[in-house]
């Protein structure tokens, strides 16, 4: 078992899942992969199960009954990782919008002192490829809005490419995490920040998917925008607390 785990949530990713798995396993650093699969009708799970015979003890799958939300998929994966001896746990999309080569850079940031490392599109300007300008502006200013409301200094608050140390995941009370869409990413960073953990941003280039269908929607952005005020309110009321051991 490697000390590094990559969690990849999937729904209808048959065009990407085999390529991303093989890419990660060819990296010069050892990573295990957990696919959290939400009952894709396109056969994504069947592809993963076939590959598990080729990569025993490195590739794992957890199947759920349907689309239950990105946040719950990651929390499912975090709990699975904590039941094992993984020290670094990274969230990553299946569609190559996150460059697997950057897994090593995120790991190194945590290994060298960060409690969690964020693959940041906005640390050094705007590093996004193949997004329409409207979506770039929406994402960029959403992060600026989150910084304004919460007081966090993280520039890419909605980033979904994040490496957590085991210590962070052992401390966060997952029962208190309320959001299930992309606002989940904001809530996890804000919770870690409020609990005093060190967050480091690692500049990446984000490339929009070439295969498959995006899961982004207006509702996801609305959850993020309006949920932030509630998140700050909970922080002010002292409702963000570590998990009881």
Protein backbone atom coordinates (compact mmCIF):
# COMPACT_ATOMS: atom_id res chain seq x y z
CA UNK A 1 0.00 0.00 0.00
CA UNK A 2 1.33 3.43 -0.97
CA UNK A 3 1.17 6.33 1.50
CA UNK A 4 -0.67 8.37 -1.16
CA UNK A 5 -4.29 7.89 -2.21
CA UNK A 6 -6.06 9.62 -5.09
CA UNK A 7 -9.85 9.76 -4.84
CA UNK A 8 -11.63 10.03 -8.20
CA UNK A 9 -15.43 10.42 -8.12
CA UNK A 10 -17.12 9.20 -11.29
CA UNK A 11 -20.41 9.42 -13.10
CA UNK A 12 -20.39 8.56 -16.82
CA UNK A 13 -16.62 8.75 -17.30
CA UNK A 14 -16.07 5.77 -19.63
CA UNK A 15 -14.12 7.96 -22.09
CA UNK A 16 -11.61 9.01 -19.45
CA UNK A 17 -11.38 6.56 -16.58
CA UNK A 18 -8.95 4.02 -18.03
CA UNK A 19 -6.59 6.67 -19.38
CA UNK A 20 -6.48 8.58 -16.08
CA UNK A 21 -5.87 5.40 -14.06
CA UNK A 22 -3.01 4.27 -16.29
CA UNK A 23 -1.49 7.75 -16.26
CA UNK A 24 -1.46 7.93 -12.46
CA UNK A 25 0.04 4.46 -12.14
CA UNK A 26 2.84 5.44 -14.53
CA UNK A 27 3.95 8.40 -12.42
CA UNK A 28 7.40 8.18 -10.78
CA UNK A 29 5.77 8.43 -7.34
CA UNK A 30 3.46 5.65 -6.07
CA UNK A 31 -0.22 6.50 -5.72
CA UNK A 32 -3.15 4.20 -5.02
CA UNK A 33 -6.52 5.10 -6.56
CA UNK A 34 -10.00 4.88 -5.09
CA UNK A 35 -12.84 5.38 -7.58
CA UNK A 36 -16.09 6.44 -5.92
CA UNK A 37 -18.62 5.41 -8.54
CA UNK A 38 -22.19 6.72 -8.53
CA UNK A 39 -23.92 4.01 -10.58
CA UNK A 40 -22.92 5.30 -14.02
CA UNK A 41 -25.18 3.88 -16.73
CA UNK A 42 -22.34 4.06 -19.28
CA UNK A 43 -20.33 1.18 -17.78
CA UNK A 44 -17.63 3.19 -15.99
CA UNK A 45 -17.66 0.71 -13.09
CA UNK A 46 -17.11 -2.25 -15.42
CA UNK A 47 -13.97 -0.62 -16.82
CA UNK A 48 -12.58 -0.01 -13.33
CA UNK A 49 -13.32 -3.58 -12.23
CA UNK A 50 -11.53 -4.94 -15.29
CA UNK A 51 -8.48 -2.83 -14.49
CA UNK A 52 -8.51 -3.99 -10.86
CA UNK A 53 -7.33 -7.41 -12.05
CA UNK A 54 -4.33 -5.69 -13.65
CA UNK A 55 -3.60 -3.46 -10.65
CA UNK A 56 -4.43 -5.50 -7.54
CA UNK A 57 -3.82 -3.73 -4.22
CA UNK A 58 -3.48 -0.38 -6.01
CA UNK A 59 -6.89 0.24 -7.58
CA UNK A 60 -10.12 0.16 -5.59
CA UNK A 61 -13.76 0.99 -6.21
CA UNK A 62 -16.60 1.97 -3.93
CA UNK A 63 -19.98 1.81 -5.68
CA UNK A 64 -22.94 3.89 -4.57
CA UNK A 65 -26.61 3.68 -5.54
CA UNK A 66 -26.78 6.87 -7.61
CA UNK A 67 -25.71 10.50 -7.95
CA UNK A 68 -25.50 11.56 -4.32
CA UNK A 69 -23.35 14.66 -4.75
CA UNK A 70 -19.68 15.44 -5.13
CA UNK A 71 -19.21 16.30 -1.48
CA UNK A 72 -20.65 13.04 -0.20
CA UNK A 73 -18.51 11.11 -2.70
CA UNK A 74 -15.34 12.69 -1.33
CA UNK A 75 -16.40 12.24 2.28
CA UNK A 76 -17.07 8.57 1.52
CA UNK A 77 -13.54 8.38 0.12
CA UNK A 78 -12.00 10.24 3.06
CA UNK A 79 -13.57 7.84 5.55
CA UNK A 80 -12.37 4.88 3.47
CA UNK A 81 -8.83 6.31 3.47
CA UNK A 82 -8.83 6.90 7.23
CA UNK A 83 -9.69 3.24 7.80
CA UNK A 84 -6.35 2.48 6.13
CA UNK A 85 -2.85 3.85 6.54
CA UNK A 86 -2.81 6.60 3.90
CA UNK A 87 -0.94 9.76 4.91
CA UNK A 88 -1.80 11.97 1.92
CA UNK A 89 -5.21 11.95 0.24
CA UNK A 90 -5.85 13.90 -2.95
CA UNK A 91 -9.09 14.81 -4.70
CA UNK A 92 -8.88 14.71 -8.50
CA UNK A 93 -11.31 14.75 -11.43
CA UNK A 94 -11.39 11.89 -13.91
CA UNK A 95 -11.47 14.06 -17.01
CA UNK A 96 -7.84 15.34 -17.17
CA UNK A 97 -8.87 18.88 -16.25
CA UNK A 98 -6.39 18.25 -13.43
CA UNK A 99 -2.98 17.23 -14.76
CA UNK A 100 -1.96 14.01 -12.95
CA UNK A 101 1.69 15.14 -13.06
CA UNK A 102 0.74 17.79 -10.50
CA UNK A 103 -0.12 15.10 -7.95
CA UNK A 104 3.57 14.97 -7.09
CA UNK A 105 3.77 18.74 -6.58
CA UNK A 106 0.76 18.72 -4.28
CA UNK A 107 2.21 15.82 -2.30
CA UNK A 108 5.55 17.60 -1.99
CA UNK A 109 3.88 20.77 -0.68
CA UNK A 110 2.26 18.74 2.11
CA UNK A 111 5.38 16.71 2.78
CA UNK A 112 7.29 19.99 3.22
CA UNK A 113 5.02 21.62 5.78
CA UNK A 114 1.58 22.37 4.38
CA UNK A 115 -1.44 20.71 5.99
CA UNK A 116 -3.32 20.84 2.72
CA UNK A 117 -2.21 21.86 -0.75
CA UNK A 118 -4.57 23.43 -3.28
CA UNK A 119 -4.00 23.06 -7.00
CA UNK A 120 -4.69 26.71 -7.75
CA UNK A 121 -5.90 28.17 -11.05
CA UNK A 122 -5.58 31.71 -9.73
CA UNK A 123 -2.38 31.88 -7.66
CA UNK A 124 -0.49 33.38 -10.61
CA UNK A 125 -3.04 35.19 -12.75
CA UNK A 126 -5.65 33.02 -14.46
CA UNK A 127 -4.43 29.62 -15.63
CA UNK A 128 -7.48 28.10 -17.33
CA UNK A 129 -7.56 26.56 -20.82
CA UNK A 130 -10.63 25.93 -23.02
CA UNK A 131 -13.21 27.61 -20.80
CA UNK A 132 -15.49 30.25 -22.32
CA UNK A 133 -14.74 33.70 -20.95
CA UNK A 134 -18.06 33.89 -19.11
CA UNK A 135 -17.25 30.78 -17.11
CA UNK A 136 -13.72 31.99 -16.35
CA UNK A 137 -15.08 35.27 -15.02
CA UNK A 138 -17.78 33.52 -12.99
CA UNK A 139 -15.26 31.19 -11.38
CA UNK A 140 -12.64 33.88 -10.75
CA UNK A 141 -15.05 36.35 -9.18
CA UNK A 142 -16.77 33.60 -7.20
CA UNK A 143 -13.43 32.94 -5.51
CA UNK A 144 -12.94 36.66 -4.93
CA UNK A 145 -16.42 36.83 -3.37
CA UNK A 146 -15.61 33.91 -1.07
CA UNK A 147 -12.40 35.60 0.05
CA UNK A 148 -14.29 38.82 0.75
CA UNK A 149 -17.03 37.13 2.80
CA UNK A 150 -14.93 34.61 4.71
CA UNK A 151 -11.63 36.43 5.13
CA UNK A 152 -9.64 33.49 3.74
CA UNK A 153 -6.55 34.36 1.73
CA UNK A 154 -6.83 31.30 -0.56
CA UNK A 155 -7.14 32.60 -4.11
CA UNK A 156 -8.80 29.52 -5.62
CA UNK A 157 -11.44 28.75 -3.02
CA UNK A 158 -13.53 26.54 -5.34
CA UNK A 159 -10.60 24.38 -6.52
CA UNK A 160 -11.29 20.67 -6.65
CA UNK A 161 -7.67 19.49 -6.92
CA UNK A 162 -6.58 19.30 -3.28
CA UNK A 163 -4.16 17.17 -1.26
CA UNK A 164 -5.01 16.67 2.42
CA UNK A 165 -2.70 15.35 5.07
CA UNK A 166 -4.12 12.62 7.26
CA UNK A 167 -4.04 15.00 10.23
CA UNK A 168 -6.53 17.36 8.57
CA UNK A 169 -8.98 14.59 7.66
CA UNK A 170 -8.76 13.11 11.16
CA UNK A 171 -9.61 16.51 12.64
CA UNK A 172 -12.51 17.70 10.44
CA UNK A 173 -15.93 16.57 11.63
CA UNK A 174 -17.51 15.35 8.41
CA UNK A 175 -20.94 15.32 10.04
CA UNK A 176 -20.71 19.12 10.19
CA UNK A 177 -19.95 19.50 6.47
CA UNK A 178 -23.25 20.64 4.97
CA UNK A 179 -22.71 21.21 1.26
CA UNK A 180 -22.77 18.43 -1.33
CA UNK A 181 -21.98 20.28 -4.57
CA UNK A 182 -18.99 22.42 -5.46
CA UNK A 183 -19.62 24.54 -2.36
CA UNK A 184 -18.24 21.50 -0.56
CA UNK A 185 -14.79 22.55 -1.79
CA UNK A 186 -15.20 25.98 -0.22
CA UNK A 187 -16.50 24.53 3.03
CA UNK A 188 -13.61 22.08 3.39
CA UNK A 189 -11.01 24.82 2.89
CA UNK A 190 -12.80 27.22 5.20
CA UNK A 191 -13.17 24.55 7.88
CA UNK A 192 -9.49 23.64 7.69
CA UNK A 193 -8.54 27.32 7.82
CA UNK A 194 -10.77 27.99 10.84
CA UNK A 195 -9.23 24.98 12.60
CA UNK A 196 -5.79 26.53 12.17
CA UNK A 197 -4.32 24.36 9.43
CA UNK A 198 -1.77 25.70 6.98
CA UNK A 199 -3.04 25.92 3.40
CA UNK A 200 -0.58 26.27 0.53
CA UNK A 201 -1.57 27.00 -3.05
CA UNK A 202 0.36 25.29 -5.84
CA UNK A 203 -0.09 26.97 -9.22
CA UNK A 204 -1.51 24.64 -11.87
CA UNK A 205 -2.93 24.93 -15.37
CA UNK A 206 -6.56 23.78 -15.48
CA UNK A 207 -7.70 22.38 -18.83
CA UNK A 208 -11.39 21.82 -19.47
CA UNK A 209 -12.42 18.26 -20.30
CA UNK A 210 -12.14 17.05 -23.89
CA UNK A 211 -14.14 13.85 -23.42
CA UNK A 212 -17.44 13.27 -21.65
CA UNK A 213 -19.95 15.77 -20.29
CA UNK A 214 -19.38 18.45 -17.67
CA UNK A 215 -21.33 18.08 -14.42
CA UNK A 216 -21.31 21.86 -13.81
CA UNK A 217 -24.63 23.70 -13.59
CA UNK A 218 -26.07 27.03 -12.53
CA UNK A 219 -27.47 25.40 -9.41
CA UNK A 220 -23.99 24.36 -8.35
CA UNK A 221 -22.77 27.95 -8.57
CA UNK A 222 -25.84 29.23 -6.70
CA UNK A 223 -25.14 26.81 -3.87
CA UNK A 224 -21.60 28.14 -3.68
CA UNK A 225 -22.54 31.82 -3.79
CA UNK A 226 -25.43 31.80 -1.31
CA UNK A 227 -23.98 29.13 0.94
CA UNK A 228 -20.88 31.19 1.72
CA UNK A 229 -22.84 33.66 3.86
CA UNK A 230 -24.22 30.79 5.93
CA UNK A 231 -20.72 29.34 6.17
CA UNK A 232 -19.28 32.60 7.53
CA UNK A 233 -22.18 32.87 9.98
CA UNK A 234 -21.49 29.38 11.31
CA UNK A 235 -17.84 30.31 11.69
CA UNK A 236 -18.70 33.45 13.64
CA UNK A 237 -20.98 31.45 15.94
CA UNK A 238 -18.21 29.00 16.71
CA UNK A 239 -19.98 26.05 15.08
CA UNK A 240 -16.88 24.85 13.24
CA UNK A 241 -15.25 22.47 15.66
CA UNK A 242 -12.86 19.52 15.41
CA UNK A 243 -14.21 16.01 15.42
CA UNK A 244 -14.43 14.40 18.83
CA UNK A 245 -11.93 11.57 19.00
